[in-house]
Amino acid sequence: MSENLITVSGTKEEQYQSLLPQLEALVQGESNKVANMANIAAALKTQFDFFWVGFYLVDTSDELVLGPFQGPIACTRIKKGRGVCGTVWQNEHSLVVPDVDAFPGHIACSSLSRSEVVVPLIDQGRVIGVLDVDSDELNDFDEVDQRYLERIVSLLVKTGT
């Protein structure tokens, strides 16, 4: 497949609806998780111009390590249960955080990050990583983001990533 991304304007939902089949086609047949995560992060950054978008992968029994991402430099390691990413890993469910400064134990990789959505990547019943998306605006994420990002993350499991 040609790696061209067609971006659209419109509502958030319309943008995700346009992006989802493109990502499905992009990851179809590619089994390398780093390549698929890198392309997904780049596509999300391109379509939505998020402040930061990327993956953290389970590295040890109690640590996530930075994976493919787009945006400014980031925290390299996050302990299980710490910050939004570590909490999502521990609890195995997505979180939308309207104001990261109000989240107990938030890890400030960048002081410019104001809101966040994190989705776990679950394969065969266990979390193998998380998709982390940050905005430099308060209240920038909602259930639409969560729902579509969960669908996007599921593409990684379907491809054997």
N, C-alpha and C. Protein backbone atom coordinates (compact mmCIF):
# COMPACT_ATOMS: atom_id res chain seq x y z
N MET A 1 0.83 -1.19 0.00
CA MET A 1 0.00 0.00 0.00
C MET A 1 0.86 1.24 0.00
N SER A 2 0.42 2.23 -0.68
CA SER A 2 1.09 3.52 -0.66
C SER A 2 0.87 4.16 0.70
N GLU A 3 1.90 4.72 1.27
CA GLU A 3 1.79 5.31 2.59
C GLU A 3 1.42 6.78 2.50
N ASN A 4 0.29 7.07 1.87
CA ASN A 4 -0.24 8.43 1.80
C ASN A 4 -1.41 8.53 2.75
N LEU A 5 -1.46 9.62 3.47
CA LEU A 5 -2.54 9.85 4.41
C LEU A 5 -3.41 10.98 3.87
N ILE A 6 -4.70 10.71 3.79
CA ILE A 6 -5.64 11.74 3.36
C ILE A 6 -6.25 12.32 4.62
N THR A 7 -5.95 13.58 4.90
CA THR A 7 -6.51 14.24 6.07
C THR A 7 -7.78 14.97 5.67
N VAL A 8 -8.70 15.05 6.60
CA VAL A 8 -9.97 15.72 6.35
C VAL A 8 -10.26 16.69 7.48
N SER A 9 -11.07 17.69 7.18
CA SER A 9 -11.59 18.55 8.24
C SER A 9 -12.99 18.08 8.55
N GLY A 10 -13.60 18.70 9.50
CA GLY A 10 -14.92 18.30 9.93
C GLY A 10 -14.93 18.06 11.41
N THR A 11 -15.98 17.41 11.87
CA THR A 11 -16.07 17.11 13.30
C THR A 11 -14.98 16.09 13.67
N LYS A 12 -14.74 16.00 14.94
CA LYS A 12 -13.77 15.02 15.44
C LYS A 12 -14.16 13.62 14.98
N GLU A 13 -15.45 13.31 15.09
CA GLU A 13 -15.95 11.98 14.70
C GLU A 13 -15.70 11.75 13.20
N GLU A 14 -15.97 12.75 12.37
CA GLU A 14 -15.74 12.60 10.92
C GLU A 14 -14.25 12.38 10.62
N GLN A 15 -13.40 13.05 11.36
CA GLN A 15 -11.96 12.87 11.16
C GLN A 15 -11.53 11.46 11.52
N TYR A 16 -12.00 10.95 12.65
CA TYR A 16 -11.68 9.57 13.03
C TYR A 16 -12.25 8.58 12.02
N GLN A 17 -13.47 8.82 11.56
CA GLN A 17 -14.10 7.91 10.60
C GLN A 17 -13.32 7.85 9.30
N SER A 18 -12.71 8.94 8.90
CA SER A 18 -11.87 8.95 7.70
C SER A 18 -10.53 8.27 7.95
N LEU A 19 -9.99 8.48 9.14
CA LEU A 19 -8.67 7.96 9.47
C LEU A 19 -8.67 6.44 9.71
N LEU A 20 -9.70 5.92 10.35
CA LEU A 20 -9.72 4.51 10.75
C LEU A 20 -9.49 3.54 9.58
N PRO A 21 -10.22 3.63 8.47
CA PRO A 21 -9.96 2.68 7.38
C PRO A 21 -8.56 2.85 6.77
N GLN A 22 -8.04 4.06 6.81
CA GLN A 22 -6.69 4.26 6.30
C GLN A 22 -5.66 3.55 7.18
N LEU A 23 -5.87 3.61 8.48
CA LEU A 23 -4.96 2.91 9.40
C LEU A 23 -5.11 1.41 9.26
N GLU A 24 -6.34 0.93 9.08
CA GLU A 24 -6.55 -0.50 8.86
C GLU A 24 -5.76 -0.98 7.65
N ALA A 25 -5.82 -0.23 6.56
CA ALA A 25 -5.10 -0.60 5.34
C ALA A 25 -3.59 -0.50 5.56
N LEU A 26 -3.17 0.48 6.33
CA LEU A 26 -1.74 0.70 6.56
C LEU A 26 -1.10 -0.44 7.34
N VAL A 27 -1.79 -0.94 8.38
CA VAL A 27 -1.20 -1.98 9.22
C VAL A 27 -1.48 -3.39 8.70
N GLN A 28 -2.44 -3.51 7.79
CA GLN A 28 -2.78 -4.84 7.26
C GLN A 28 -1.56 -5.46 6.60
N GLY A 29 -1.23 -6.65 7.02
CA GLY A 29 -0.12 -7.37 6.42
C GLY A 29 1.25 -7.03 6.99
N GLU A 30 1.32 -6.01 7.86
CA GLU A 30 2.60 -5.66 8.49
C GLU A 30 2.59 -6.18 9.92
N SER A 31 3.49 -7.08 10.23
CA SER A 31 3.50 -7.70 11.55
C SER A 31 4.46 -7.01 12.53
N ASN A 32 5.26 -6.07 12.07
CA ASN A 32 6.22 -5.42 12.96
C ASN A 32 5.52 -4.35 13.80
N LYS A 33 5.52 -4.55 15.12
CA LYS A 33 4.79 -3.64 15.99
C LYS A 33 5.39 -2.24 16.01
N VAL A 34 6.68 -2.12 15.94
CA VAL A 34 7.30 -0.80 15.96
C VAL A 34 6.90 0.00 14.72
N ALA A 35 6.91 -0.65 13.56
CA ALA A 35 6.51 0.04 12.33
C ALA A 35 5.05 0.48 12.40
N ASN A 36 4.17 -0.41 12.87
CA ASN A 36 2.75 -0.07 12.96
C ASN A 36 2.49 1.03 13.98
N MET A 37 3.13 0.96 15.13
CA MET A 37 2.95 2.00 16.13
C MET A 37 3.48 3.35 15.64
N ALA A 38 4.62 3.32 14.97
CA ALA A 38 5.19 4.55 14.44
C ALA A 38 4.25 5.20 13.43
N ASN A 39 3.70 4.41 12.53
CA ASN A 39 2.78 4.95 11.53
C ASN A 39 1.49 5.45 12.16
N ILE A 40 0.98 4.73 13.14
CA ILE A 40 -0.24 5.18 13.82
C ILE A 40 0.01 6.49 14.55
N ALA A 41 1.12 6.59 15.26
CA ALA A 41 1.44 7.84 15.96
C ALA A 41 1.57 8.99 14.97
N ALA A 42 2.25 8.76 13.84
CA ALA A 42 2.42 9.81 12.84
C ALA A 42 1.09 10.22 12.23
N ALA A 43 0.22 9.23 11.96
CA ALA A 43 -1.08 9.54 11.35
C ALA A 43 -1.96 10.34 12.31
N LEU A 44 -1.97 9.96 13.59
CA LEU A 44 -2.77 10.70 14.57
C LEU A 44 -2.25 12.13 14.74
N LYS A 45 -0.94 12.27 14.78
CA LYS A 45 -0.33 13.61 14.92
C LYS A 45 -0.67 14.46 13.70
N THR A 46 -0.58 13.85 12.51
CA THR A 46 -0.85 14.58 11.27
C THR A 46 -2.32 15.00 11.18
N GLN A 47 -3.22 14.07 11.46
CA GLN A 47 -4.65 14.36 11.32
C GLN A 47 -5.14 15.37 12.35
N PHE A 48 -4.73 15.21 13.60
CA PHE A 48 -5.30 16.02 14.68
C PHE A 48 -4.36 17.08 15.25
N ASP A 49 -3.10 17.04 14.86
CA ASP A 49 -2.10 17.97 15.40
C ASP A 49 -2.09 17.94 16.94
N PHE A 50 -2.18 16.73 17.50
CA PHE A 50 -2.07 16.58 18.95
C PHE A 50 -0.71 17.09 19.40
N PHE A 51 -0.62 17.54 20.64
CA PHE A 51 0.65 18.01 21.19
C PHE A 51 1.68 16.87 21.22
N TRP A 52 1.23 15.69 21.67
CA TRP A 52 2.12 14.53 21.76
C TRP A 52 1.27 13.29 21.58
N VAL A 53 1.76 12.34 20.82
CA VAL A 53 1.06 11.07 20.65
C VAL A 53 2.09 9.97 20.51
N GLY A 54 1.91 8.90 21.27
CA GLY A 54 2.87 7.81 21.17
C GLY A 54 2.52 6.65 22.07
N PHE A 55 3.42 5.71 22.09
CA PHE A 55 3.21 4.46 22.81
C PHE A 55 4.26 4.29 23.90
N TYR A 56 3.82 3.69 24.99
CA TYR A 56 4.72 3.18 26.01
C TYR A 56 4.50 1.68 26.05
N LEU A 57 5.57 0.92 26.11
CA LEU A 57 5.49 -0.54 26.06
C LEU A 57 5.97 -1.14 27.37
N VAL A 58 5.32 -2.22 27.78
CA VAL A 58 5.73 -2.92 29.00
C VAL A 58 7.14 -3.45 28.78
N ASP A 59 8.04 -3.04 29.67
CA ASP A 59 9.45 -3.43 29.54
C ASP A 59 9.84 -4.44 30.62
N THR A 60 9.37 -4.20 31.83
CA THR A 60 9.60 -5.13 32.94
C THR A 60 8.27 -5.29 33.65
N SER A 61 8.24 -6.08 34.69
CA SER A 61 6.98 -6.31 35.40
C SER A 61 6.42 -5.06 36.05
N ASP A 62 7.25 -4.02 36.20
CA ASP A 62 6.75 -2.80 36.85
C ASP A 62 7.10 -1.52 36.11
N GLU A 63 7.50 -1.62 34.83
CA GLU A 63 7.89 -0.41 34.10
C GLU A 63 7.45 -0.42 32.64
N LEU A 64 6.96 0.75 32.22
CA LEU A 64 6.73 1.02 30.80
C LEU A 64 7.96 1.74 30.26
N VAL A 65 8.29 1.50 29.01
CA VAL A 65 9.39 2.21 28.37
C VAL A 65 8.85 2.90 27.12
N LEU A 66 9.40 4.05 26.83
CA LEU A 66 8.98 4.85 25.69
C LEU A 66 9.12 4.08 24.39
N GLY A 67 8.08 4.12 23.58
CA GLY A 67 8.06 3.49 22.26
C GLY A 67 7.94 4.56 21.19
N PRO A 68 7.48 4.18 20.00
CA PRO A 68 7.33 5.14 18.90
C PRO A 68 6.39 6.29 19.29
N PHE A 69 6.79 7.51 18.93
CA PHE A 69 5.97 8.68 19.27
C PHE A 69 6.23 9.82 18.30
N GLN A 70 5.36 10.82 18.37
CA GLN A 70 5.49 12.07 17.63
C GLN A 70 5.28 13.20 18.63
N GLY A 71 6.18 14.17 18.60
CA GLY A 71 6.07 15.32 19.50
C GLY A 71 7.38 15.57 20.21
N PRO A 72 7.35 16.46 21.22
CA PRO A 72 8.57 16.76 21.97
C PRO A 72 9.07 15.55 22.75
N ILE A 73 10.33 15.62 23.18
CA ILE A 73 10.91 14.52 23.94
C ILE A 73 10.02 14.20 25.13
N ALA A 74 10.10 12.95 25.60
CA ALA A 74 9.16 12.48 26.61
C ALA A 74 9.88 11.72 27.70
N CYS A 75 9.13 11.42 28.75
CA CYS A 75 9.64 10.55 29.82
C CYS A 75 10.01 9.21 29.20
N THR A 76 11.11 8.65 29.62
CA THR A 76 11.57 7.39 29.04
C THR A 76 10.94 6.19 29.74
N ARG A 77 10.80 6.25 31.06
CA ARG A 77 10.26 5.12 31.82
C ARG A 77 9.20 5.59 32.80
N ILE A 78 8.16 4.77 32.94
CA ILE A 78 7.06 5.07 33.85
C ILE A 78 6.75 3.81 34.66
N LYS A 79 6.71 3.96 35.96
CA LYS A 79 6.41 2.83 36.86
C LYS A 79 4.93 2.47 36.80
N LYS A 80 4.64 1.21 36.97
CA LYS A 80 3.26 0.73 37.02
C LYS A 80 2.52 1.44 38.16
N GLY A 81 1.34 1.97 37.83
CA GLY A 81 0.53 2.66 38.83
C GLY A 81 0.85 4.14 38.98
N ARG A 82 1.89 4.63 38.31
CA ARG A 82 2.27 6.05 38.43
C ARG A 82 1.77 6.83 37.23
N GLY A 83 1.30 8.03 37.48
CA GLY A 83 0.82 8.89 36.41
C GLY A 83 -0.36 8.28 35.68
N VAL A 84 -0.78 8.92 34.60
CA VAL A 84 -1.93 8.43 33.85
C VAL A 84 -1.59 7.13 33.14
N CYS A 85 -0.44 7.06 32.49
CA CYS A 85 -0.06 5.85 31.76
C CYS A 85 0.09 4.65 32.68
N GLY A 86 0.78 4.82 33.79
CA GLY A 86 0.97 3.73 34.73
C GLY A 86 -0.33 3.29 35.37
N THR A 87 -1.26 4.23 35.58
CA THR A 87 -2.57 3.91 36.14
C THR A 87 -3.40 3.11 35.14
N VAL A 88 -3.37 3.52 33.88
CA VAL A 88 -4.09 2.78 32.84
C VAL A 88 -3.54 1.36 32.74
N TRP A 89 -2.24 1.21 32.78
CA TRP A 89 -1.63 -0.12 32.74
C TRP A 89 -2.12 -0.96 33.92
N GLN A 90 -2.07 -0.40 35.11
CA GLN A 90 -2.45 -1.13 36.31
C GLN A 90 -3.93 -1.50 36.30
N ASN A 91 -4.80 -0.57 35.90
CA ASN A 91 -6.25 -0.79 35.96
C ASN A 91 -6.82 -1.42 34.70
N GLU A 92 -6.03 -1.46 33.63
CA GLU A 92 -6.40 -2.11 32.37
C GLU A 92 -7.65 -1.51 31.73
N HIS A 93 -7.81 -0.20 31.86
CA HIS A 93 -8.90 0.48 31.15
C HIS A 93 -8.49 1.91 30.82
N SER A 94 -9.11 2.45 29.79
CA SER A 94 -8.78 3.78 29.28
C SER A 94 -9.15 4.87 30.28
N LEU A 95 -8.44 5.99 30.17
CA LEU A 95 -8.73 7.16 31.00
C LEU A 95 -8.68 8.41 30.13
N VAL A 96 -9.69 9.27 30.31
CA VAL A 96 -9.69 10.60 29.74
C VAL A 96 -9.47 11.56 30.91
N VAL A 97 -8.43 12.38 30.81
CA VAL A 97 -8.09 13.30 31.90
C VAL A 97 -8.22 14.73 31.37
N PRO A 98 -9.28 15.45 31.80
CA PRO A 98 -9.53 16.79 31.28
C PRO A 98 -8.48 17.82 31.71
N ASP A 99 -7.89 17.61 32.90
CA ASP A 99 -6.88 18.53 33.43
C ASP A 99 -5.81 17.69 34.13
N VAL A 100 -4.66 17.54 33.48
CA VAL A 100 -3.63 16.66 34.04
C VAL A 100 -3.10 17.16 35.37
N ASP A 101 -3.16 18.46 35.61
CA ASP A 101 -2.67 18.99 36.88
C ASP A 101 -3.56 18.56 38.05
N ALA A 102 -4.80 18.17 37.76
CA ALA A 102 -5.72 17.71 38.81
C ALA A 102 -5.65 16.20 39.01
N PHE A 103 -4.86 15.50 38.18
CA PHE A 103 -4.77 14.05 38.30
C PHE A 103 -3.73 13.70 39.36
N PRO A 104 -4.13 12.95 40.40
CA PRO A 104 -3.18 12.61 41.47
C PRO A 104 -1.98 11.83 40.93
N GLY A 105 -0.79 12.34 41.21
CA GLY A 105 0.43 11.66 40.80
C GLY A 105 0.78 11.84 39.34
N HIS A 106 0.19 12.83 38.68
CA HIS A 106 0.51 13.06 37.27
C HIS A 106 2.01 13.27 37.10
N ILE A 107 2.57 12.65 36.08
CA ILE A 107 3.99 12.81 35.75
C ILE A 107 4.09 13.87 34.66
N ALA A 108 4.72 14.96 34.96
CA ALA A 108 4.80 16.08 34.01
C ALA A 108 6.01 15.92 33.11
N CYS A 109 5.85 15.14 32.03
CA CYS A 109 6.94 15.02 31.06
C CYS A 109 7.13 16.36 30.35
N SER A 110 6.04 17.11 30.18
CA SER A 110 6.11 18.46 29.63
C SER A 110 5.12 19.32 30.38
N SER A 111 5.55 20.48 30.79
CA SER A 111 4.65 21.41 31.49
C SER A 111 3.59 21.97 30.55
N LEU A 112 3.77 21.78 29.24
CA LEU A 112 2.80 22.28 28.26
C LEU A 112 1.60 21.35 28.09
N SER A 113 1.71 20.12 28.54
CA SER A 113 0.60 19.17 28.44
C SER A 113 -0.48 19.56 29.44
N ARG A 114 -1.73 19.66 28.96
CA ARG A 114 -2.83 20.10 29.82
C ARG A 114 -3.92 19.05 29.99
N SER A 115 -4.17 18.24 28.96
CA SER A 115 -5.16 17.16 29.05
C SER A 115 -4.61 15.94 28.34
N GLU A 116 -5.23 14.77 28.61
CA GLU A 116 -4.62 13.53 28.14
C GLU A 116 -5.68 12.44 28.02
N VAL A 117 -5.46 11.54 27.07
CA VAL A 117 -6.25 10.32 26.98
C VAL A 117 -5.25 9.18 26.79
N VAL A 118 -5.43 8.10 27.56
CA VAL A 118 -4.54 6.95 27.50
C VAL A 118 -5.39 5.69 27.36
N VAL A 119 -4.98 4.84 26.42
CA VAL A 119 -5.72 3.62 26.09
C VAL A 119 -4.76 2.43 26.22
N PRO A 120 -5.17 1.38 26.94
CA PRO A 120 -4.28 0.22 27.05
C PRO A 120 -4.28 -0.62 25.78
N LEU A 121 -3.14 -1.20 25.49
CA LEU A 121 -3.01 -2.17 24.40
C LEU A 121 -3.00 -3.54 25.06
N ILE A 122 -4.11 -4.27 24.90
CA ILE A 122 -4.28 -5.55 25.58
C ILE A 122 -4.21 -6.67 24.56
N ASP A 123 -3.30 -7.61 24.80
CA ASP A 123 -3.14 -8.76 23.92
C ASP A 123 -3.21 -10.03 24.78
N GLN A 124 -4.10 -10.92 24.42
CA GLN A 124 -4.29 -12.18 25.12
C GLN A 124 -4.48 -11.97 26.63
N GLY A 125 -5.29 -10.97 26.97
CA GLY A 125 -5.65 -10.74 28.36
C GLY A 125 -4.66 -9.99 29.20
N ARG A 126 -3.58 -9.51 28.59
CA ARG A 126 -2.62 -8.74 29.40
C ARG A 126 -2.21 -7.46 28.67
N VAL A 127 -1.96 -6.44 29.44
CA VAL A 127 -1.53 -5.15 28.88
C VAL A 127 -0.09 -5.27 28.43
N ILE A 128 0.15 -4.95 27.15
CA ILE A 128 1.51 -4.97 26.62
C ILE A 128 2.03 -3.56 26.34
N GLY A 129 1.17 -2.57 26.51
CA GLY A 129 1.56 -1.19 26.29
C GLY A 129 0.36 -0.28 26.41
N VAL A 130 0.60 1.01 26.20
CA VAL A 130 -0.48 2.00 26.20
C VAL A 130 -0.24 2.99 25.07
N LEU A 131 -1.34 3.51 24.54
CA LEU A 131 -1.30 4.65 23.62
C LEU A 131 -1.60 5.88 24.46
N ASP A 132 -0.72 6.86 24.40
CA ASP A 132 -0.83 8.08 25.19
C ASP A 132 -0.97 9.26 24.23
N VAL A 133 -2.00 10.07 24.42
CA VAL A 133 -2.21 11.25 23.58
C VAL A 133 -2.39 12.45 24.50
N ASP A 134 -1.58 13.47 24.28
CA ASP A 134 -1.60 14.68 25.11
C ASP A 134 -2.01 15.89 24.26
N SER A 135 -2.67 16.83 24.93
CA SER A 135 -3.02 18.10 24.31
C SER A 135 -2.48 19.24 25.15
N ASP A 136 -2.20 20.35 24.50
CA ASP A 136 -1.79 21.54 25.25
C ASP A 136 -2.99 22.42 25.60
N GLU A 137 -4.20 21.85 25.43
CA GLU A 137 -5.45 22.52 25.79
C GLU A 137 -6.16 21.73 26.88
N LEU A 138 -6.82 22.40 27.79
CA LEU A 138 -7.64 21.74 28.80
C LEU A 138 -8.87 21.13 28.13
N ASN A 139 -9.38 20.03 28.69
CA ASN A 139 -10.64 19.41 28.24
C ASN A 139 -10.67 19.14 26.74
N ASP A 140 -9.57 18.69 26.18
CA ASP A 140 -9.50 18.50 24.73
C ASP A 140 -9.99 17.13 24.28
N PHE A 141 -10.17 16.19 25.20
CA PHE A 141 -10.54 14.83 24.86
C PHE A 141 -11.88 14.46 25.48
N ASP A 142 -12.56 13.52 24.83
CA ASP A 142 -13.86 13.07 25.32
C ASP A 142 -14.08 11.62 24.93
N GLU A 143 -15.33 11.16 25.09
CA GLU A 143 -15.64 9.76 24.80
C GLU A 143 -15.46 9.42 23.32
N VAL A 144 -15.56 10.39 22.44
CA VAL A 144 -15.32 10.13 21.01
C VAL A 144 -13.86 9.73 20.80
N ASP A 145 -12.95 10.50 21.38
CA ASP A 145 -11.52 10.15 21.29
C ASP A 145 -11.28 8.77 21.88
N GLN A 146 -11.79 8.53 23.07
CA GLN A 146 -11.57 7.25 23.73
C GLN A 146 -12.06 6.10 22.86
N ARG A 147 -13.27 6.21 22.35
CA ARG A 147 -13.87 5.13 21.55
C ARG A 147 -13.04 4.84 20.30
N TYR A 148 -12.67 5.88 19.57
CA TYR A 148 -11.91 5.66 18.33
C TYR A 148 -10.48 5.24 18.60
N LEU A 149 -9.86 5.78 19.64
CA LEU A 149 -8.50 5.36 19.96
C LEU A 149 -8.48 3.90 20.41
N GLU A 150 -9.50 3.46 21.11
CA GLU A 150 -9.59 2.04 21.47
C GLU A 150 -9.72 1.18 20.21
N ARG A 151 -10.46 1.64 19.24
CA ARG A 151 -10.58 0.89 17.98
C ARG A 151 -9.25 0.87 17.24
N ILE A 152 -8.54 1.99 17.25
CA ILE A 152 -7.24 2.07 16.58
C ILE A 152 -6.24 1.14 17.25
N VAL A 153 -6.20 1.14 18.57
CA VAL A 153 -5.29 0.26 19.30
C VAL A 153 -5.61 -1.20 19.02
N SER A 154 -6.89 -1.52 18.86
CA SER A 154 -7.26 -2.92 18.57
C SER A 154 -6.69 -3.39 17.25
N LEU A 155 -6.40 -2.48 16.33
CA LEU A 155 -5.78 -2.85 15.07
C LEU A 155 -4.40 -3.48 15.28
N LEU A 156 -3.71 -3.04 16.31
CA LEU A 156 -2.38 -3.56 16.59
C LEU A 156 -2.44 -5.02 17.04
N VAL A 157 -3.45 -5.36 17.78
CA VAL A 157 -3.61 -6.74 18.26
C VAL A 157 -4.04 -7.63 17.10
N LYS A 158 -4.94 -7.13 16.25
CA LYS A 158 -5.43 -7.90 15.11
C LYS A 158 -4.31 -8.26 14.14
N THR A 159 -3.29 -7.39 14.05
CA THR A 159 -2.20 -7.64 13.10
C THR A 159 -1.11 -8.51 13.73
N GLY A 160 -1.32 -8.94 14.95
CA GLY A 160 -0.30 -9.78 15.60
C GLY A 160 0.80 -8.97 16.23
N THR A 161 0.58 -7.69 16.38
CA THR A 161 1.60 -6.81 16.96
C THR A 161 1.66 -7.02 18.45
